[in-house]
Amino acid sequence: MKKNMGTADKTIRIGIAVVIAVLYFTNVISGTWAILLGILAIAFILTSFISFCPLYFPFGINTFKKKKR
C-alpha cells in the first residue's frame, strides 16, 4: 500500500475521532448513532496510523507529500 494521506489529513481524522469519543463518553450520543459514529472513529484512527485511505485510491486522491532530499 502506497501512502496517500498527508499530515493535515491524518490530524483532522484523529481530531474527529477524539470528538466522537468525547461525545460518546459524555452521553451526548447513544444507541445506533453511537455505534455508527464509533465505527467511523475506529476507521479514521486505523487509516491515520497506516497513512492509507482505501476510498482515496479509486478516485486518485493523494494528500501525501514526499520529502525532498
PDB file of N, CA and C in Angstrom:
ATOM      1  N   MET A   1       0.831  -1.176   0.000  1.00  0.00           N
ATOM      2  CA  MET A   1       0.000   0.000   0.000  1.00  0.00           C
ATOM      3  C   MET A   1       0.882   1.248   0.000  1.00  0.00           C
ATOM      4  N   LYS A   2       0.673   2.103  -0.960  1.00  0.00           N
ATOM      5  CA  LYS A   2       1.387   3.364  -1.001  1.00  0.00           C
ATOM      6  C   LYS A   2       0.645   4.371  -0.127  1.00  0.00           C
ATOM      7  N   LYS A   3       1.394   5.184   0.579  1.00  0.00           N
ATOM      8  CA  LYS A   3       0.776   6.209   1.421  1.00  0.00           C
ATOM      9  C   LYS A   3       0.030   7.197   0.542  1.00  0.00           C
ATOM     10  N   ASN A   4      -1.189   7.555   0.963  1.00  0.00           N
ATOM     11  CA  ASN A   4      -1.945   8.547   0.219  1.00  0.00           C
ATOM     12  C   ASN A   4      -2.601   9.580   1.137  1.00  0.00           C
ATOM     13  N   MET A   5      -2.136   9.656   2.393  1.00  0.00           N
ATOM     14  CA  MET A   5      -2.687  10.619   3.342  1.00  0.00           C
ATOM     15  C   MET A   5      -1.569  11.477   3.921  1.00  0.00           C
ATOM     16  N   GLY A   6      -1.765  12.776   3.869  1.00  0.00           N
ATOM     17  CA  GLY A   6      -0.791  13.707   4.411  1.00  0.00           C
ATOM     18  C   GLY A   6      -1.014  13.957   5.891  1.00  0.00           C
ATOM     19  N   THR A   7      -0.140  14.760   6.478  1.00  0.00           N
ATOM     20  CA  THR A   7      -0.186  15.057   7.904  1.00  0.00           C
ATOM     21  C   THR A   7      -1.466  15.783   8.296  1.00  0.00           C
ATOM     22  N   ALA A   8      -1.860  16.769   7.517  1.00  0.00           N
ATOM     23  CA  ALA A   8      -3.083  17.519   7.832  1.00  0.00           C
ATOM     24  C   ALA A   8      -4.301  16.604   7.790  1.00  0.00           C
ATOM     25  N   ASP A   9      -4.364  15.734   6.807  1.00  0.00           N
ATOM     26  CA  ASP A   9      -5.469  14.792   6.668  1.00  0.00           C
ATOM     27  C   ASP A   9      -5.553  13.864   7.879  1.00  0.00           C
ATOM     28  N   LYS A  10      -4.402  13.351   8.295  1.00  0.00           N
ATOM     29  CA  LYS A  10      -4.370  12.456   9.459  1.00  0.00           C
ATOM     30  C   LYS A  10      -4.768  13.197  10.731  1.00  0.00           C
ATOM     31  N   THR A  11      -4.311  14.420  10.887  1.00  0.00           N
ATOM     32  CA  THR A  11      -4.633  15.210  12.077  1.00  0.00           C
ATOM     33  C   THR A  11      -6.133  15.483  12.163  1.00  0.00           C
ATOM     34  N   ILE A  12      -6.738  15.830  11.056  1.00  0.00           N
ATOM     35  CA  ILE A  12      -8.180  16.088  11.029  1.00  0.00           C
ATOM     36  C   ILE A  12      -8.959  14.827  11.383  1.00  0.00           C
ATOM     37  N   ARG A  13      -8.559  13.687  10.827  1.00  0.00           N
ATOM     38  CA  ARG A  13      -9.249  12.426  11.115  1.00  0.00           C
ATOM     39  C   ARG A  13      -9.139  12.040  12.595  1.00  0.00           C
ATOM     40  N   ILE A  14      -7.956  12.195  13.166  1.00  0.00           N
ATOM     41  CA  ILE A  14      -7.777  11.863  14.580  1.00  0.00           C
ATOM     42  C   ILE A  14      -8.589  12.828  15.445  1.00  0.00           C
ATOM     43  N   GLY A  15      -8.621  14.097  15.054  1.00  0.00           N
ATOM     44  CA  GLY A  15      -9.429  15.079  15.789  1.00  0.00           C
ATOM     45  C   GLY A  15     -10.907  14.723  15.778  1.00  0.00           C
ATOM     46  N   ILE A  16     -11.420  14.319  14.638  1.00  0.00           N
ATOM     47  CA  ILE A  16     -12.825  13.920  14.538  1.00  0.00           C
ATOM     48  C   ILE A  16     -13.088  12.691  15.403  1.00  0.00           C
ATOM     49  N   ALA A  17     -12.162  11.729  15.396  1.00  0.00           N
ATOM     50  CA  ALA A  17     -12.324  10.531  16.211  1.00  0.00           C
ATOM     51  C   ALA A  17     -12.346  10.883  17.701  1.00  0.00           C
ATOM     52  N   VAL A  18     -11.510  11.818  18.109  1.00  0.00           N
ATOM     53  CA  VAL A  18     -11.492  12.250  19.513  1.00  0.00           C
ATOM     54  C   VAL A  18     -12.812  12.920  19.889  1.00  0.00           C
ATOM     55  N   VAL A  19     -13.328  13.762  19.007  1.00  0.00           N
ATOM     56  CA  VAL A  19     -14.613  14.421  19.264  1.00  0.00           C
ATOM     57  C   VAL A  19     -15.724  13.383  19.414  1.00  0.00           C
ATOM     58  N   ILE A  20     -15.736  12.391  18.551  1.00  0.00           N
ATOM     59  CA  ILE A  20     -16.748  11.326  18.640  1.00  0.00           C
ATOM     60  C   ILE A  20     -16.620  10.591  19.972  1.00  0.00           C
ATOM     61  N   ALA A  21     -15.386  10.290  20.384  1.00  0.00           N
ATOM     62  CA  ALA A  21     -15.173   9.596  21.664  1.00  0.00           C
ATOM     63  C   ALA A  21     -15.666  10.448  22.830  1.00  0.00           C
ATOM     64  N   VAL A  22     -15.378  11.732  22.809  1.00  0.00           N
ATOM     65  CA  VAL A  22     -15.837  12.623  23.885  1.00  0.00           C
ATOM     66  C   VAL A  22     -17.358  12.673  23.915  1.00  0.00           C
ATOM     67  N   LEU A  23     -17.989  12.781  22.750  1.00  0.00           N
ATOM     68  CA  LEU A  23     -19.450  12.798  22.701  1.00  0.00           C
ATOM     69  C   LEU A  23     -20.041  11.507  23.254  1.00  0.00           C
ATOM     70  N   TYR A  24     -19.398  10.391  22.974  1.00  0.00           N
ATOM     71  CA  TYR A  24     -19.887   9.107  23.472  1.00  0.00           C
ATOM     72  C   TYR A  24     -19.744   9.014  24.993  1.00  0.00           C
ATOM     73  N   PHE A  25     -18.560   9.342  25.503  1.00  0.00           N
ATOM     74  CA  PHE A  25     -18.310   9.190  26.933  1.00  0.00           C
ATOM     75  C   PHE A  25     -19.015  10.240  27.787  1.00  0.00           C
ATOM     76  N   THR A  26     -19.497  11.322  27.184  1.00  0.00           N
ATOM     77  CA  THR A  26     -20.301  12.304  27.919  1.00  0.00           C
ATOM     78  C   THR A  26     -21.796  12.069  27.695  1.00  0.00           C
ATOM     79  N   ASN A  27     -22.131  10.950  27.079  1.00  0.00           N
ATOM     80  CA  ASN A  27     -23.510  10.524  26.823  1.00  0.00           C
ATOM     81  C   ASN A  27     -24.305  11.504  25.961  1.00  0.00           C
ATOM     82  N   VAL A  28     -23.644  12.223  25.091  1.00  0.00           N
ATOM     83  CA  VAL A  28     -24.337  13.089  24.146  1.00  0.00           C
ATOM     84  C   VAL A  28     -24.903  12.246  23.007  1.00  0.00           C
ATOM     85  N   ILE A  29     -24.162  11.220  22.595  1.00  0.00           N
ATOM     86  CA  ILE A  29     -24.658  10.294  21.582  1.00  0.00           C
ATOM     87  C   ILE A  29     -24.819   8.918  22.220  1.00  0.00           C
ATOM     88  N   SER A  30     -25.815   8.194  21.758  1.00  0.00           N
ATOM     89  CA  SER A  30     -26.041   6.845  22.283  1.00  0.00           C
ATOM     90  C   SER A  30     -26.821   6.036  21.249  1.00  0.00           C
ATOM     91  N   GLY A  31     -26.963   4.772  21.525  1.00  0.00           N
ATOM     92  CA  GLY A  31     -27.731   3.902  20.641  1.00  0.00           C
ATOM     93  C   GLY A  31     -27.076   3.683  19.295  1.00  0.00           C
ATOM     94  N   THR A  32     -27.909   3.675  18.263  1.00  0.00           N
ATOM     95  CA  THR A  32     -27.446   3.400  16.905  1.00  0.00           C
ATOM     96  C   THR A  32     -26.431   4.433  16.427  1.00  0.00           C
ATOM     97  N   TRP A  33     -26.669   5.699  16.739  1.00  0.00           N
ATOM     98  CA  TRP A  33     -25.727   6.748  16.337  1.00  0.00           C
ATOM     99  C   TRP A  33     -24.360   6.530  16.963  1.00  0.00           C
ATOM    100  N   ALA A  34     -24.346   6.116  18.214  1.00  0.00           N
ATOM    101  CA  ALA A  34     -23.065   5.875  18.887  1.00  0.00           C
ATOM    102  C   ALA A  34     -22.308   4.735  18.214  1.00  0.00           C
ATOM    103  N   ILE A  35     -23.014   3.699  17.833  1.00  0.00           N
ATOM    104  CA  ILE A  35     -22.373   2.557  17.168  1.00  0.00           C
ATOM    105  C   ILE A  35     -21.820   2.980  15.808  1.00  0.00           C
ATOM    106  N   LEU A  36     -22.629   3.654  15.018  1.00  0.00           N
ATOM    107  CA  LEU A  36     -22.195   4.079  13.676  1.00  0.00           C
ATOM    108  C   LEU A  36     -21.022   5.055  13.751  1.00  0.00           C
ATOM    109  N   LEU A  37     -21.110   6.037  14.621  1.00  0.00           N
ATOM    110  CA  LEU A  37     -20.018   7.001  14.751  1.00  0.00           C
ATOM    111  C   LEU A  37     -18.779   6.357  15.361  1.00  0.00           C
ATOM    112  N   GLY A  38     -18.975   5.371  16.241  1.00  0.00           N
ATOM    113  CA  GLY A  38     -17.836   4.640  16.803  1.00  0.00           C
ATOM    114  C   GLY A  38     -17.081   3.860  15.739  1.00  0.00           C
ATOM    115  N   ILE A  39     -17.814   3.230  14.846  1.00  0.00           N
ATOM    116  CA  ILE A  39     -17.187   2.510  13.731  1.00  0.00           C
ATOM    117  C   ILE A  39     -16.428   3.488  12.837  1.00  0.00           C
ATOM    118  N   LEU A  40     -17.028   4.638  12.567  1.00  0.00           N
ATOM    119  CA  LEU A  40     -16.365   5.663  11.767  1.00  0.00           C
ATOM    120  C   LEU A  40     -15.084   6.148  12.452  1.00  0.00           C
ATOM    121  N   ALA A  41     -15.153   6.357  13.758  1.00  0.00           N
ATOM    122  CA  ALA A  41     -13.978   6.820  14.511  1.00  0.00           C
ATOM    123  C   ALA A  41     -12.858   5.784  14.459  1.00  0.00           C
ATOM    124  N   ILE A  42     -13.199   4.522  14.599  1.00  0.00           N
ATOM    125  CA  ILE A  42     -12.187   3.457  14.524  1.00  0.00           C
ATOM    126  C   ILE A  42     -11.556   3.427  13.134  1.00  0.00           C
ATOM    127  N   ALA A  43     -12.377   3.569  12.105  1.00  0.00           N
ATOM    128  CA  ALA A  43     -11.850   3.593  10.728  1.00  0.00           C
ATOM    129  C   ALA A  43     -10.914   4.785  10.534  1.00  0.00           C
ATOM    130  N   PHE A  44     -11.283   5.935  11.069  1.00  0.00           N
ATOM    131  CA  PHE A  44     -10.427   7.123  10.958  1.00  0.00           C
ATOM    132  C   PHE A  44      -9.089   6.903  11.650  1.00  0.00           C
ATOM    133  N   ILE A  45      -9.114   6.314  12.841  1.00  0.00           N
ATOM    134  CA  ILE A  45      -7.870   6.069  13.582  1.00  0.00           C
ATOM    135  C   ILE A  45      -6.984   5.079  12.818  1.00  0.00           C
ATOM    136  N   LEU A  46      -7.569   3.975  12.358  1.00  0.00           N
ATOM    137  CA  LEU A  46      -6.785   2.962  11.642  1.00  0.00           C
ATOM    138  C   LEU A  46      -6.168   3.523  10.358  1.00  0.00           C
ATOM    139  N   THR A  47      -6.967   4.236   9.577  1.00  0.00           N
ATOM    140  CA  THR A  47      -6.431   4.781   8.335  1.00  0.00           C
ATOM    141  C   THR A  47      -5.375   5.852   8.600  1.00  0.00           C
ATOM    142  N   SER A  48      -5.509   6.572   9.702  1.00  0.00           N
ATOM    143  CA  SER A  48      -4.498   7.575  10.051  1.00  0.00           C
ATOM    144  C   SER A  48      -3.173   6.930  10.408  1.00  0.00           C
ATOM    145  N   PHE A  49      -3.222   5.818  11.127  1.00  0.00           N
ATOM    146  CA  PHE A  49      -1.983   5.158  11.535  1.00  0.00           C
ATOM    147  C   PHE A  49      -1.259   4.493  10.366  1.00  0.00           C
ATOM    148  N   ILE A  50      -1.998   3.991   9.384  1.00  0.00           N
ATOM    149  CA  ILE A  50      -1.332   3.346   8.249  1.00  0.00           C
ATOM    150  C   ILE A  50      -1.125   4.304   7.081  1.00  0.00           C
ATOM    151  N   SER A  51      -1.631   5.536   7.205  1.00  0.00           N
ATOM    152  CA  SER A  51      -1.482   6.582   6.179  1.00  0.00           C
ATOM    153  C   SER A  51      -2.037   6.173   4.819  1.00  0.00           C
ATOM    154  N   PHE A  52      -3.064   5.361   4.825  1.00  0.00           N
ATOM    155  CA  PHE A  52      -3.673   4.909   3.579  1.00  0.00           C
ATOM    156  C   PHE A  52      -5.183   4.898   3.727  1.00  0.00           C
ATOM    157  N   CYS A  53      -5.869   5.553   2.803  1.00  0.00           N
ATOM    158  CA  CYS A  53      -7.329   5.553   2.796  1.00  0.00           C
ATOM    159  C   CYS A  53      -7.803   4.806   1.549  1.00  0.00           C
ATOM    160  N   PRO A  54      -8.483   3.678   1.731  1.00  0.00           N
ATOM    161  CA  PRO A  54      -8.929   2.903   0.570  1.00  0.00           C
ATOM    162  C   PRO A  54      -9.928   3.652  -0.315  1.00  0.00           C
ATOM    163  N   LEU A  55     -10.669   4.607   0.238  1.00  0.00           N
ATOM    164  CA  LEU A  55     -11.613   5.374  -0.575  1.00  0.00           C
ATOM    165  C   LEU A  55     -10.921   6.400  -1.459  1.00  0.00           C
ATOM    166  N   TYR A  56      -9.708   6.794  -1.104  1.00  0.00           N
ATOM    167  CA  TYR A  56      -8.958   7.725  -1.948  1.00  0.00           C
ATOM    168  C   TYR A  56      -8.448   7.036  -3.211  1.00  0.00           C
ATOM    169  N   PHE A  57      -8.126   5.766  -3.112  1.00  0.00           N
ATOM    170  CA  PHE A  57      -7.491   5.028  -4.204  1.00  0.00           C
ATOM    171  C   PHE A  57      -8.282   5.075  -5.515  1.00  0.00           C
ATOM    172  N   PRO A  58      -9.574   4.708  -5.535  1.00  0.00           N
ATOM    173  CA  PRO A  58     -10.286   4.695  -6.824  1.00  0.00           C
ATOM    174  C   PRO A  58     -10.447   6.083  -7.453  1.00  0.00           C
ATOM    175  N   PHE A  59     -10.397   7.127  -6.620  1.00  0.00           N
ATOM    176  CA  PHE A  59     -10.573   8.482  -7.132  1.00  0.00           C
ATOM    177  C   PHE A  59      -9.250   9.180  -7.422  1.00  0.00           C
ATOM    178  N   GLY A  60      -8.149   8.512  -7.131  1.00  0.00           N
ATOM    179  CA  GLY A  60      -6.834   9.075  -7.409  1.00  0.00           C
ATOM    180  C   GLY A  60      -6.437  10.228  -6.494  1.00  0.00           C
ATOM    181  N   ILE A  61      -7.036  10.299  -5.314  1.00  0.00           N
ATOM    182  CA  ILE A  61      -6.727  11.364  -4.373  1.00  0.00           C
ATOM    183  C   ILE A  61      -5.457  11.004  -3.612  1.00  0.00           C
ATOM    184  N   ASN A  62      -4.572  11.968  -3.467  1.00  0.00           N
ATOM    185  CA  ASN A  62      -3.336  11.742  -2.734  1.00  0.00           C
ATOM    186  C   ASN A  62      -2.948  13.047  -2.041  1.00  0.00           C
ATOM    187  N   THR A  63      -2.997  13.068  -0.691  1.00  0.00           N
ATOM    188  CA  THR A  63      -2.621  14.261   0.065  1.00  0.00           C
ATOM    189  C   THR A  63      -1.243  14.100   0.691  1.00  0.00           C
ATOM    190  N   PHE A  64      -0.558  12.993   0.396  1.00  0.00           N
ATOM    191  CA  PHE A  64       0.767  12.726   0.943  1.00  0.00           C
ATOM    192  C   PHE A  64       1.832  13.455   0.132  1.00  0.00           C
ATOM    193  N   LYS A  65       2.658  14.203   0.822  1.00  0.00           N
ATOM    194  CA  LYS A  65       3.743  14.917   0.168  1.00  0.00           C
ATOM    195  C   LYS A  65       5.063  14.232   0.487  1.00  0.00           C
ATOM    196  N   LYS A  66       5.800  13.857  -0.541  1.00  0.00           N
ATOM    197  CA  LYS A  66       7.103  13.221  -0.334  1.00  0.00           C
ATOM    198  C   LYS A  66       8.113  14.259   0.101  1.00  0.00           C
ATOM    199  N   LYS A  67       8.999  13.853   1.010  1.00  0.00           N
ATOM    200  CA  LYS A  67      10.054  14.754   1.474  1.00  0.00           C
ATOM    201  C   LYS A  67      11.138  14.833   0.412  1.00  0.00           C
ATOM    202  N   LYS A  68      11.631  16.046   0.170  1.00  0.00           N
ATOM    203  CA  LYS A  68      12.732  16.231  -0.778  1.00  0.00           C
ATOM    204  C   LYS A  68      14.037  15.981  -0.058  1.00  0.00           C
ATOM    205  N   ARG A  69      14.956  15.345  -0.727  1.00  0.00           N
ATOM    206  CA  ARG A  69      16.259  15.048  -0.115  1.00  0.00           C
ATOM    207  C   ARG A  69      17.278  16.060  -0.488  1.00  0.00           C
TER     208      ARG A  69
END
